[in-house]
C-alpha atoms as a PDB file:
ATOM      1  CA  UNK A   1      73.450  -2.024-120.422  1.00  0.00           C
ATOM      2  CA  UNK A   2      71.639  -5.220-119.843  1.00  0.00           C
ATOM      3  CA  UNK A   3      72.290  -7.270-116.729  1.00  0.00           C
ATOM      4  CA  UNK A   4      73.191 -10.708-117.943  1.00  0.00           C
ATOM      5  CA  UNK A   5      71.327 -12.215-114.869  1.00  0.00           C
ATOM      6  CA  UNK A   6      67.673 -10.336-116.068  1.00  0.00           C
ATOM      7  CA  UNK A   7      65.602 -12.665-117.883  1.00  0.00           C
ATOM      8  CA  UNK A   8      64.378 -11.314-121.501  1.00  0.00           C
ATOM      9  CA  UNK A   9      60.965 -10.216-121.916  1.00  0.00           C
ATOM     10  CA  UNK A  10      60.022 -12.494-124.620  1.00  0.00           C
ATOM     11  CA  UNK A  11      61.768 -15.475-122.880  1.00  0.00           C
ATOM     12  CA  UNK A  12      59.543 -16.434-119.694  1.00  0.00           C
ATOM     13  CA  UNK A  13      60.989 -19.535-117.917  1.00  0.00           C
ATOM     14  CA  UNK A  14      58.130 -21.240-116.181  1.00  0.00           C
ATOM     15  CA  UNK A  15      59.155 -21.878-112.805  1.00  0.00           C
ATOM     16  CA  UNK A  16      56.195 -23.088-110.772  1.00  0.00           C
ATOM     17  CA  UNK A  17      56.205 -26.632-111.952  1.00  0.00           C
ATOM     18  CA  UNK A  18      59.958 -27.359-110.857  1.00  0.00           C
ATOM     19  CA  UNK A  19      59.421 -25.351-107.456  1.00  0.00           C
ATOM     20  CA  UNK A  20      56.211 -27.432-106.858  1.00  0.00           C
ATOM     21  CA  UNK A  21      57.765 -30.657-107.623  1.00  0.00           C
ATOM     22  CA  UNK A  22      60.946 -29.700-105.280  1.00  0.00           C
ATOM     23  CA  UNK A  23      58.436 -28.285-102.536  1.00  0.00           C
ATOM     24  CA  UNK A  24      56.613 -31.839-102.357  1.00  0.00           C
ATOM     25  CA  UNK A  25      59.713 -33.654-102.259  1.00  0.00           C
ATOM     26  CA  UNK A  26      61.158 -31.384 -99.538  1.00  0.00           C
ATOM     27  CA  UNK A  27      57.703 -31.978 -97.453  1.00  0.00           C
ATOM     28  CA  UNK A  28      57.618 -35.625 -98.189  1.00  0.00           C
ATOM     29  CA  UNK A  29      61.296 -36.210 -96.886  1.00  0.00           C
ATOM     30  CA  UNK A  30      60.295 -34.068 -93.770  1.00  0.00           C
ATOM     31  CA  UNK A  31      57.204 -36.017 -93.166  1.00  0.00           C
ATOM     32  CA  UNK A  32      58.947 -39.430 -93.643  1.00  0.00           C
ATOM     33  CA  UNK A  33      62.070 -38.418 -91.399  1.00  0.00           C
ATOM     34  CA  UNK A  34      59.569 -36.848 -88.804  1.00  0.00           C
ATOM     35  CA  UNK A  35      58.017 -40.192 -88.122  1.00  0.00           C
ATOM     36  CA  UNK A  36      60.780 -41.897 -86.216  1.00  0.00           C
ATOM     37  CA  UNK A  37      61.068 -38.498 -84.282  1.00  0.00           C
ATOM     38  CA  UNK A  38      57.279 -38.725 -83.099  1.00  0.00           C
ATOM     39  CA  UNK A  39      57.980 -42.237 -82.148  1.00  0.00           C
ATOM     40  CA  UNK A  40      61.211 -41.258 -80.356  1.00  0.00           C
ATOM     41  CA  UNK A  41      59.564 -38.437 -78.634  1.00  0.00           C
ATOM     42  CA  UNK A  42      56.645 -40.813 -77.385  1.00  0.00           C
ATOM     43  CA  UNK A  43      59.127 -43.184 -76.019  1.00  0.00           C
ATOM     44  CA  UNK A  44      61.196 -40.470 -74.290  1.00  0.00           C
ATOM     45  CA  UNK A  45      57.918 -39.065 -72.834  1.00  0.00           C
ATOM     46  CA  UNK A  46      56.934 -42.736 -71.608  1.00  0.00           C
ATOM     47  CA  UNK A  47      60.449 -43.088 -70.267  1.00  0.00           C
ATOM     48  CA  UNK A  48      60.544 -39.807 -68.371  1.00  0.00           C
ATOM     49  CA  UNK A  49      57.077 -40.589 -66.980  1.00  0.00           C
ATOM     50  CA  UNK A  50      58.164 -43.887 -65.858  1.00  0.00           C
ATOM     51  CA  UNK A  51      61.023 -42.315 -63.803  1.00  0.00           C
ATOM     52  CA  UNK A  52      58.755 -39.853 -62.047  1.00  0.00           C
ATOM     53  CA  UNK A  53      60.300 -37.021 -64.277  1.00  0.00           C
ATOM     54  CA  UNK A  54      56.769 -35.578 -64.960  1.00  0.00           C
ATOM     55  CA  UNK A  55      57.860 -32.333 -66.150  1.00  0.00           C
ATOM     56  CA  UNK A  56      60.175 -33.525 -68.589  1.00  0.00           C
ATOM     57  CA  UNK A  57      57.322 -35.588 -69.713  1.00  0.00           C
ATOM     58  CA  UNK A  58      54.920 -32.769 -70.256  1.00  0.00           C
ATOM     59  CA  UNK A  59      57.962 -30.713 -71.880  1.00  0.00           C
ATOM     60  CA  UNK A  60      58.240 -33.464 -74.606  1.00  0.00           C
ATOM     61  CA  UNK A  61      54.511 -34.538 -75.211  1.00  0.00           C
ATOM     62  CA  UNK A  62      53.478 -30.629 -75.570  1.00  0.00           C
ATOM     63  CA  UNK A  63      54.892 -30.162 -78.874  1.00  0.00           C
ATOM     64  CA  UNK A  64      53.749 -33.598 -80.143  1.00  0.00           C
ATOM     65  CA  UNK A  65      50.431 -32.824 -78.866  1.00  0.00           C
ATOM     66  CA  UNK A  66      50.144 -29.461 -80.774  1.00  0.00           C
ATOM     67  CA  UNK A  67      51.218 -31.092 -83.938  1.00  0.00           C
ATOM     68  CA  UNK A  68      47.995 -33.605 -83.673  1.00  0.00           C
ATOM     69  CA  UNK A  69      49.500 -36.525 -82.295  1.00  0.00           C
ATOM     70  CA  UNK A  70      46.747 -38.364 -80.653  1.00  0.00           C
ATOM     71  CA  UNK A  71      48.814 -40.498 -78.330  1.00  0.00           C
ATOM     72  CA  UNK A  72      50.680 -37.498 -76.996  1.00  0.00           C
ATOM     73  CA  UNK A  73      47.120 -35.819 -76.541  1.00  0.00           C
ATOM     74  CA  UNK A  74      45.738 -38.453 -74.449  1.00  0.00           C
ATOM     75  CA  UNK A  75      49.017 -38.792 -72.373  1.00  0.00           C
ATOM     76  CA  UNK A  76      49.187 -35.181 -71.767  1.00  0.00           C
ATOM     77  CA  UNK A  77      45.514 -35.161 -70.776  1.00  0.00           C
ATOM     78  CA  UNK A  78      46.103 -37.683 -68.465  1.00  0.00           C
ATOM     79  CA  UNK A  79      49.001 -35.505 -66.993  1.00  0.00           C
ATOM     80  CA  UNK A  80      46.621 -32.300 -66.760  1.00  0.00           C
ATOM     81  CA  UNK A  81      44.002 -34.237 -65.240  1.00  0.00           C
ATOM     82  CA  UNK A  82      46.122 -35.653 -62.554  1.00  0.00           C
ATOM     83  CA  UNK A  83      48.509 -32.491 -61.821  1.00  0.00           C
ATOM     84  CA  UNK A  84      51.715 -34.632 -62.984  1.00  0.00           C
ATOM     85  CA  UNK A  85      54.533 -32.263 -64.166  1.00  0.00           C
ATOM     86  CA  UNK A  86      51.590 -29.617 -64.696  1.00  0.00           C
ATOM     87  CA  UNK A  87      48.932 -27.726 -62.549  1.00  0.00           C
ATOM     88  CA  UNK A  88      45.949 -30.156 -62.271  1.00  0.00           C
ATOM     89  CA  UNK A  89      43.658 -28.571 -64.921  1.00  0.00           C
ATOM     90  CA  UNK A  90      40.279 -30.541 -65.812  1.00  0.00           C
ATOM     91  CA  UNK A  91      39.250 -28.135 -68.767  1.00  0.00           C
ATOM     92  CA  UNK A  92      42.750 -28.501 -70.114  1.00  0.00           C
ATOM     93  CA  UNK A  93      42.677 -32.317 -69.644  1.00  0.00           C
ATOM     94  CA  UNK A  94      39.098 -32.538 -71.313  1.00  0.00           C
ATOM     95  CA  UNK A  95      40.313 -30.471 -74.414  1.00  0.00           C
ATOM     96  CA  UNK A  96      43.219 -33.013 -74.795  1.00  0.00           C
ATOM     97  CA  UNK A  97      41.168 -35.743 -74.529  1.00  0.00           C
ATOM     98  CA  UNK A  98      38.533 -34.561 -76.800  1.00  0.00           C
ATOM     99  CA  UNK A  99      41.212 -34.074 -79.365  1.00  0.00           C
ATOM    100  CA  UNK A 100      42.627 -37.712 -78.968  1.00  0.00           C
ATOM    101  CA  UNK A 101      39.202 -39.064 -78.972  1.00  0.00           C
ATOM    102  CA  UNK A 102      38.008 -37.442 -82.236  1.00  0.00           C
ATOM    103  CA  UNK A 103      41.319 -38.900 -83.746  1.00  0.00           C
ATOM    104  CA  UNK A 104      40.081 -42.472 -82.538  1.00  0.00           C
ATOM    105  CA  UNK A 105      42.555 -42.924 -79.804  1.00  0.00           C
ATOM    106  CA  UNK A 106      40.779 -45.478 -77.420  1.00  0.00           C
ATOM    107  CA  UNK A 107      42.682 -43.991 -74.274  1.00  0.00           C
ATOM    108  CA  UNK A 108      41.472 -40.571 -75.003  1.00  0.00           C
ATOM    109  CA  UNK A 109      38.006 -41.799 -75.652  1.00  0.00           C
ATOM    110  CA  UNK A 110      37.795 -43.668 -72.205  1.00  0.00           C
ATOM    111  CA  UNK A 111      39.096 -40.787 -70.582  1.00  0.00           C
ATOM    112  CA  UNK A 112      36.884 -38.487 -71.996  1.00  0.00           C
ATOM    113  CA  UNK A 113      34.034 -40.812 -71.268  1.00  0.00           C
ATOM    114  CA  UNK A 114      35.165 -40.844 -67.292  1.00  0.00           C
ATOM    115  CA  UNK A 115      35.482 -36.769 -67.474  1.00  0.00           C
ATOM    116  CA  UNK A 116      31.739 -36.723 -68.554  1.00  0.00           C
ATOM    117  CA  UNK A 117      30.807 -39.263 -66.035  1.00  0.00           C
ATOM    118  CA  UNK A 118      32.235 -37.433 -63.113  1.00  0.00           C
ATOM    119  CA  UNK A 119      31.784 -33.804 -64.807  1.00  0.00           C
ATOM    120  CA  UNK A 120      35.271 -32.849 -64.830  1.00  0.00           C
ATOM    121  CA  UNK A 121      35.944 -30.239 -67.428  1.00  0.00           C
ATOM    122  CA  UNK A 122      32.930 -30.847 -69.047  1.00  0.00           C
ATOM    123  CA  UNK A 123      29.173 -30.999 -68.172  1.00  0.00           C
ATOM    124  CA  UNK A 124      28.269 -34.123 -66.558  1.00  0.00           C
ATOM    125  CA  UNK A 125      26.498 -36.118 -69.171  1.00  0.00           C
ATOM    126  CA  UNK A 126      26.202 -40.135 -68.827  1.00  0.00           C
ATOM    127  CA  UNK A 127      24.873 -40.585 -72.466  1.00  0.00           C
ATOM    128  CA  UNK A 128      27.980 -38.839 -73.850  1.00  0.00           C
ATOM    129  CA  UNK A 129      30.016 -40.875 -71.279  1.00  0.00           C
ATOM    130  CA  UNK A 130      28.500 -44.044 -72.266  1.00  0.00           C
ATOM    131  CA  UNK A 131      29.320 -42.925 -75.786  1.00  0.00           C
ATOM    132  CA  UNK A 132      32.954 -42.529 -75.578  1.00  0.00           C
ATOM    133  CA  UNK A 133      33.278 -45.696 -73.404  1.00  0.00           C
ATOM    134  CA  UNK A 134      31.605 -47.758 -75.726  1.00  0.00           C
ATOM    135  CA  UNK A 135      33.955 -46.285 -78.504  1.00  0.00           C
ATOM    136  CA  UNK A 136      36.773 -46.946 -76.460  1.00  0.00           C
ATOM    137  CA  UNK A 137      36.306 -50.485 -75.699  1.00  0.00           C
ATOM    138  CA  UNK A 138      35.248 -51.328 -79.548  1.00  0.00           C
ATOM    139  CA  UNK A 139      38.849 -49.763 -80.547  1.00  0.00           C
ATOM    140  CA  UNK A 140      40.986 -50.914 -77.696  1.00  0.00           C
ATOM    141  CA  UNK A 141      43.098 -54.028 -77.771  1.00  0.00           C
ATOM    142  CA  UNK A 142      41.759 -57.078 -75.742  1.00  0.00           C
ATOM    143  CA  UNK A 143      43.658 -56.433 -72.288  1.00  0.00           C
ATOM    144  CA  UNK A 144      42.465 -52.728 -72.223  1.00  0.00           C
ATOM    145  CA  UNK A 145      38.765 -53.810 -73.854  1.00  0.00           C
ATOM    146  CA  UNK A 146      37.403 -55.842 -70.797  1.00  0.00           C
ATOM    147  CA  UNK A 147      38.491 -52.631 -68.638  1.00  0.00           C
ATOM    148  CA  UNK A 148      36.658 -50.124 -70.915  1.00  0.00           C
ATOM    149  CA  UNK A 149      33.528 -52.459 -70.812  1.00  0.00           C
ATOM    150  CA  UNK A 150      33.530 -52.707 -67.056  1.00  0.00           C
ATOM    151  CA  UNK A 151      33.802 -48.865 -67.020  1.00  0.00           C
ATOM    152  CA  UNK A 152      31.034 -48.642 -69.536  1.00  0.00           C
ATOM    153  CA  UNK A 153      28.811 -50.870 -67.708  1.00  0.00           C
ATOM    154  CA  UNK A 154      29.284 -48.953 -64.313  1.00  0.00           C
ATOM    155  CA  UNK A 155      27.989 -45.942 -66.287  1.00  0.00           C
ATOM    156  CA  UNK A 156      25.123 -47.625 -67.978  1.00  0.00           C
ATOM    157  CA  UNK A 157      24.057 -48.777 -64.304  1.00  0.00           C
ATOM    158  CA  UNK A 158      23.353 -44.891 -63.689  1.00  0.00           C
ATOM    159  CA  UNK A 159      21.190 -44.538 -66.761  1.00  0.00           C
ATOM    160  CA  UNK A 160      17.803 -45.588 -68.031  1.00  0.00           C
ATOM    161  CA  UNK A 161      17.347 -47.886 -70.904  1.00  0.00           C
ATOM    162  CA  UNK A 162      16.312 -45.068 -73.350  1.00  0.00           C
ATOM    163  CA  UNK A 163      19.653 -43.305 -72.090  1.00  0.00           C
ATOM    164  CA  UNK A 164      21.706 -46.401 -73.024  1.00  0.00           C
ATOM    165  CA  UNK A 165      19.880 -46.563 -76.352  1.00  0.00           C
ATOM    166  CA  UNK A 166      21.009 -42.980 -76.961  1.00  0.00           C
ATOM    167  CA  UNK A 167      24.470 -43.641 -76.084  1.00  0.00           C
ATOM    168  CA  UNK A 168      24.536 -46.700 -78.438  1.00  0.00           C
ATOM    169  CA  UNK A 169      22.963 -44.698 -81.165  1.00  0.00           C
ATOM    170  CA  UNK A 170      25.826 -42.029 -80.886  1.00  0.00           C
ATOM    171  CA  UNK A 171      28.511 -44.398 -80.870  1.00  0.00           C
ATOM    172  CA  UNK A 172      27.070 -46.194 -83.815  1.00  0.00           C
ATOM    173  CA  UNK A 173      26.995 -42.831 -85.605  1.00  0.00           C
ATOM    174  CA  UNK A 174      30.423 -41.558 -84.700  1.00  0.00           C
ATOM    175  CA  UNK A 175      33.340 -41.541 -87.142  1.00  0.00           C
ATOM    176  CA  UNK A 176      36.787 -40.333 -86.649  1.00  0.00           C
ATOM    177  CA  UNK A 177      37.350 -36.859 -87.043  1.00  0.00           C
ATOM    178  CA  UNK A 178      33.874 -35.860 -85.437  1.00  0.00           C
ATOM    179  CA  UNK A 179      33.115 -35.004 -81.960  1.00  0.00           C
END
Protein backbone atom coordinates (compact mmCIF):
# COMPACT_ATOMS: atom_id res chain seq x y z
CA UNK A 1 0.00 0.00 0.00
CA UNK A 2 1.32 3.43 -0.93
CA UNK A 3 0.50 6.40 1.24
CA UNK A 4 -0.82 9.38 -0.66
CA UNK A 5 1.31 11.76 1.43
CA UNK A 6 4.63 10.05 0.71
CA UNK A 7 6.46 11.68 -2.20
CA UNK A 8 7.42 9.43 -5.02
CA UNK A 9 11.15 8.64 -5.13
CA UNK A 10 11.50 9.75 -8.73
CA UNK A 11 9.65 12.99 -8.15
CA UNK A 12 11.51 15.08 -5.56
CA UNK A 13 10.06 18.50 -4.94
CA UNK A 14 12.75 21.08 -4.16
CA UNK A 15 11.61 22.84 -1.00
CA UNK A 16 14.67 24.76 0.05
CA UNK A 17 14.07 27.88 -2.09
CA UNK A 18 10.44 28.49 -1.04
CA UNK A 19 11.38 27.87 2.61
CA UNK A 20 14.25 30.35 2.38
CA UNK A 21 12.01 32.99 0.84
CA UNK A 22 9.36 32.42 3.51
CA UNK A 23 11.95 32.52 6.30
CA UNK A 24 13.44 35.74 4.92
CA UNK A 25 9.97 37.30 4.74
CA UNK A 26 9.20 36.34 8.34
CA UNK A 27 12.54 37.71 9.55
CA UNK A 28 12.01 40.97 7.64
CA UNK A 29 8.54 41.39 9.14
CA UNK A 30 9.87 40.70 12.64
CA UNK A 31 12.72 43.20 12.23
CA UNK A 32 10.40 45.90 10.89
CA UNK A 33 7.84 45.22 13.60
CA UNK A 34 10.47 45.24 16.37
CA UNK A 35 11.83 48.72 15.58
CA UNK A 36 8.86 50.54 17.13
CA UNK A 37 9.04 48.11 20.04
CA UNK A 38 12.68 49.08 20.67
CA UNK A 39 11.84 52.77 20.55
CA UNK A 40 8.81 52.13 22.74
CA UNK A 41 11.00 50.24 25.22
CA UNK A 42 13.48 53.11 25.44
CA UNK A 43 10.63 55.57 25.92
CA UNK A 44 9.15 53.40 28.67
CA UNK A 45 12.54 53.12 30.37
CA UNK A 46 13.13 56.88 30.15
CA UNK A 47 9.69 57.59 31.59
CA UNK A 48 10.26 55.11 34.42
CA UNK A 49 13.65 56.71 35.15
CA UNK A 50 12.10 60.20 35.17
CA UNK A 51 9.46 58.99 37.68
CA UNK A 52 12.18 57.49 39.86
CA UNK A 53 11.06 53.92 39.15
CA UNK A 54 14.62 52.71 38.60
CA UNK A 55 13.85 49.01 39.00
CA UNK A 56 11.32 49.16 36.17
CA UNK A 57 13.78 51.11 34.03
CA UNK A 58 16.45 48.42 34.56
CA UNK A 59 13.93 45.67 33.79
CA UNK A 60 12.91 47.36 30.53
CA UNK A 61 16.48 48.24 29.48
CA UNK A 62 18.08 44.86 30.16
CA UNK A 63 16.51 42.88 27.28
CA UNK A 64 17.11 45.78 24.90
CA UNK A 65 20.76 45.98 25.96
CA UNK A 66 21.19 42.23 25.58
CA UNK A 67 19.87 42.55 22.00
CA UNK A 68 22.59 45.10 21.23
CA UNK A 69 20.73 48.41 21.48
CA UNK A 70 23.52 50.95 22.13
CA UNK A 71 21.20 53.51 23.75
CA UNK A 72 19.89 50.89 26.16
CA UNK A 73 23.43 49.71 26.92
CA UNK A 74 24.57 53.24 27.74
CA UNK A 75 21.51 53.97 29.90
CA UNK A 76 21.80 50.65 31.71
CA UNK A 77 25.53 51.25 32.26
CA UNK A 78 24.68 54.57 33.90
CA UNK A 79 22.17 52.84 36.16
CA UNK A 80 24.76 50.24 37.23
CA UNK A 81 27.46 52.86 37.70
CA UNK A 82 25.27 54.87 40.06
CA UNK A 83 23.34 52.04 41.70
CA UNK A 84 19.94 53.13 40.36
CA UNK A 85 17.59 50.13 40.32
CA UNK A 86 20.49 47.71 40.47
CA UNK A 87 23.49 47.21 42.73
CA UNK A 88 26.32 49.65 42.06
CA UNK A 89 28.74 47.67 39.90
CA UNK A 90 31.52 49.55 38.13
CA UNK A 91 32.71 46.50 36.18
CA UNK A 92 29.21 45.83 34.80
CA UNK A 93 28.79 49.52 34.00
CA UNK A 94 32.14 49.64 32.20
CA UNK A 95 31.23 46.53 30.19
CA UNK A 96 27.94 48.09 29.10
CA UNK A 97 29.66 51.38 28.26
CA UNK A 98 32.24 49.49 26.18
CA UNK A 99 29.48 47.77 24.21
CA UNK A 100 27.68 51.07 23.60
CA UNK A 101 30.92 52.91 22.79
CA UNK A 102 31.96 50.31 20.23
CA UNK A 103 28.58 50.81 18.53
CA UNK A 104 29.31 54.55 18.31
CA UNK A 105 27.01 55.84 21.07
CA UNK A 106 28.40 59.25 22.19
CA UNK A 107 27.01 59.01 25.73
CA UNK A 108 28.50 55.53 26.15
CA UNK A 109 31.83 56.79 24.79
CA UNK A 110 31.87 59.75 27.17
CA UNK A 111 30.95 57.67 30.19
CA UNK A 112 33.58 55.07 29.28
CA UNK A 113 36.12 57.89 29.04
CA UNK A 114 35.19 59.01 32.54
CA UNK A 115 35.48 55.43 33.81
CA UNK A 116 39.04 55.30 32.41
CA UNK A 117 39.79 58.70 33.93
CA UNK A 118 38.78 57.56 37.42
CA UNK A 119 39.77 53.89 37.10
CA UNK A 120 36.25 52.69 37.92
CA UNK A 121 35.65 49.19 36.54
CA UNK A 122 38.67 49.51 34.23
CA UNK A 123 42.35 50.29 34.87
CA UNK A 124 43.00 54.02 35.10
CA UNK A 125 44.30 55.17 31.70
CA UNK A 126 44.28 58.84 30.72
CA UNK A 127 45.14 58.11 27.09
CA UNK A 128 42.07 55.88 26.66
CA UNK A 129 39.97 58.37 28.64
CA UNK A 130 41.05 61.10 26.21
CA UNK A 131 40.34 58.86 23.19
CA UNK A 132 36.77 58.03 24.22
CA UNK A 133 35.94 61.59 25.31
CA UNK A 134 37.34 62.93 22.03
CA UNK A 135 35.21 60.46 20.06
CA UNK A 136 32.13 61.37 22.11
CA UNK A 137 32.66 65.08 21.43
CA UNK A 138 33.10 64.44 17.71
CA UNK A 139 29.85 62.43 17.44
CA UNK A 140 27.59 64.23 19.91
CA UNK A 141 24.97 66.86 19.14
CA UNK A 142 26.09 70.46 19.74
CA UNK A 143 24.46 70.75 23.17
CA UNK A 144 26.40 67.74 24.47
CA UNK A 145 29.57 68.37 22.44
CA UNK A 146 30.65 71.37 24.53
CA UNK A 147 30.26 69.40 27.75
CA UNK A 148 32.21 66.41 26.37
CA UNK A 149 34.96 68.77 25.17
CA UNK A 150 35.25 70.28 28.66
CA UNK A 151 35.55 66.76 30.12
CA UNK A 152 38.18 65.82 27.52
CA UNK A 153 40.15 68.98 28.24
CA UNK A 154 40.03 68.29 31.98
CA UNK A 155 41.56 64.87 31.32
CA UNK A 156 44.13 66.46 29.00
CA UNK A 157 45.25 68.76 31.83
CA UNK A 158 46.59 65.62 33.59
CA UNK A 159 48.48 64.40 30.51
CA UNK A 160 51.77 65.11 28.78
CA UNK A 161 51.76 66.36 25.16
CA UNK A 162 52.93 62.90 24.01
CA UNK A 163 50.01 61.24 25.82
CA UNK A 164 47.56 63.69 24.25
CA UNK A 165 49.01 62.90 20.83
CA UNK A 166 48.55 59.17 21.54
CA UNK A 167 44.93 59.75 22.56
CA UNK A 168 44.28 61.77 19.41
CA UNK A 169 45.92 59.09 17.25
CA UNK A 170 43.77 56.36 18.82
CA UNK A 171 40.63 58.42 18.24
CA UNK A 172 41.55 59.02 14.60
CA UNK A 173 42.19 55.31 14.00
CA UNK A 174 38.98 54.16 15.68
CA UNK A 175 36.03 52.93 13.64
CA UNK A 176 32.59 51.75 14.89
CA UNK A 177 32.65 48.10 15.80
CA UNK A 178 36.21 48.22 17.15
CA UNK A 179 37.32 48.75 20.75
